[in-house]
Amino acid sequence: MTNPASPLPNTTVSAAASAPFRIARTREEILSAAAARGLAIPVECLEGVEANMALLASHAARLADDGSRVA
């Protein structure tokens, strides 16, 4: 499908790319996702990566919210 939000002409988004995405939250999930992409997370950075993934997950949850809840 065409992505109307893209500034690039003729940019398409696959159905899989537009489907809900599960964000890695646990240390094991984060390390597994990184390894699957050929990335290494240094041990000294892992705590920060975990915190950033939790923050990203909370932002994603707010974006996915239908607006029916009041904060």
Protein backbone atom coordinates (compact mmCIF):
# COMPACT_ATOMS: atom_id res chain seq x y z
CA MET A 1 0.00 0.00 0.00
CA THR A 2 1.18 3.57 -0.60
CA ASN A 3 2.32 5.50 2.44
CA PRO A 4 0.64 8.96 2.28
CA ALA A 5 2.73 10.21 5.21
CA SER A 6 6.02 9.62 3.42
CA PRO A 7 7.81 12.60 1.91
CA LEU A 8 9.27 10.25 -0.69
CA PRO A 9 7.30 9.61 -3.88
CA ASN A 10 6.11 6.07 -4.58
CA THR A 11 7.01 4.86 -1.10
CA THR A 12 5.10 1.76 -0.10
CA VAL A 13 4.49 0.08 3.21
CA SER A 14 3.94 -3.64 3.45
CA ALA A 15 1.03 -4.95 5.47
CA ALA A 16 3.53 -6.49 7.89
CA ALA A 17 5.25 -3.14 8.41
CA SER A 18 1.97 -1.43 9.24
CA ALA A 19 0.87 -4.18 11.64
CA PRO A 20 1.29 -3.65 15.40
CA PHE A 21 4.88 -4.14 16.43
CA ARG A 22 5.86 -5.79 19.70
CA ILE A 23 8.67 -3.94 21.43
CA ALA A 24 11.30 -6.06 23.17
CA ARG A 25 11.08 -5.40 26.91
CA THR A 26 12.97 -8.07 28.83
CA ARG A 27 16.74 -8.37 28.77
CA GLU A 28 16.43 -11.68 26.93
CA GLU A 29 14.06 -10.21 24.31
CA ILE A 30 16.33 -7.21 23.77
CA LEU A 31 19.45 -9.33 23.37
CA SER A 32 17.63 -11.74 21.06
CA ALA A 33 16.27 -8.92 18.88
CA ALA A 34 19.71 -7.32 18.70
CA ALA A 35 21.38 -10.61 17.80
CA ALA A 36 18.79 -11.28 15.08
CA ARG A 37 19.85 -7.98 13.49
CA GLY A 38 23.57 -8.62 13.89
CA LEU A 39 23.93 -6.02 16.65
CA ALA A 40 25.96 -6.39 19.82
CA ILE A 41 24.96 -4.47 22.93
CA PRO A 42 27.91 -3.85 25.25
CA VAL A 43 27.26 -5.01 28.82
CA GLU A 44 27.84 -1.50 30.16
CA CYS A 45 25.06 -0.18 27.86
CA LEU A 46 22.44 -2.84 28.53
CA GLU A 47 20.79 -1.08 31.50
CA GLY A 48 20.35 2.09 29.43
CA VAL A 49 19.01 0.12 26.46
CA GLU A 50 16.46 -1.55 28.74
CA ALA A 51 15.35 1.86 30.08
CA ASN A 52 15.08 3.28 26.56
CA MET A 53 13.04 0.30 25.35
CA ALA A 54 10.64 0.73 28.29
CA LEU A 55 10.28 4.43 27.43
CA LEU A 56 9.71 3.58 23.76
CA ALA A 57 7.07 1.02 24.73
CA SER A 58 5.22 3.61 26.83
CA HIS A 59 5.27 6.09 23.94
CA ALA A 60 4.03 3.41 21.53
CA ALA A 61 1.21 2.53 23.92
CA ARG A 62 0.12 6.17 24.06
CA LEU A 63 0.17 6.44 20.27
CA ALA A 64 -1.84 3.24 19.94
CA ASP A 65 -4.41 4.42 22.50
CA ASP A 66 -7.74 5.30 20.95
CA GLY A 67 -8.08 8.39 23.15
CA SER A 68 -10.91 7.01 25.27
CA ARG A 69 -8.88 7.12 28.47
CA VAL A 70 -8.13 10.30 30.37
CA ALA A 71 -4.61 10.62 31.72
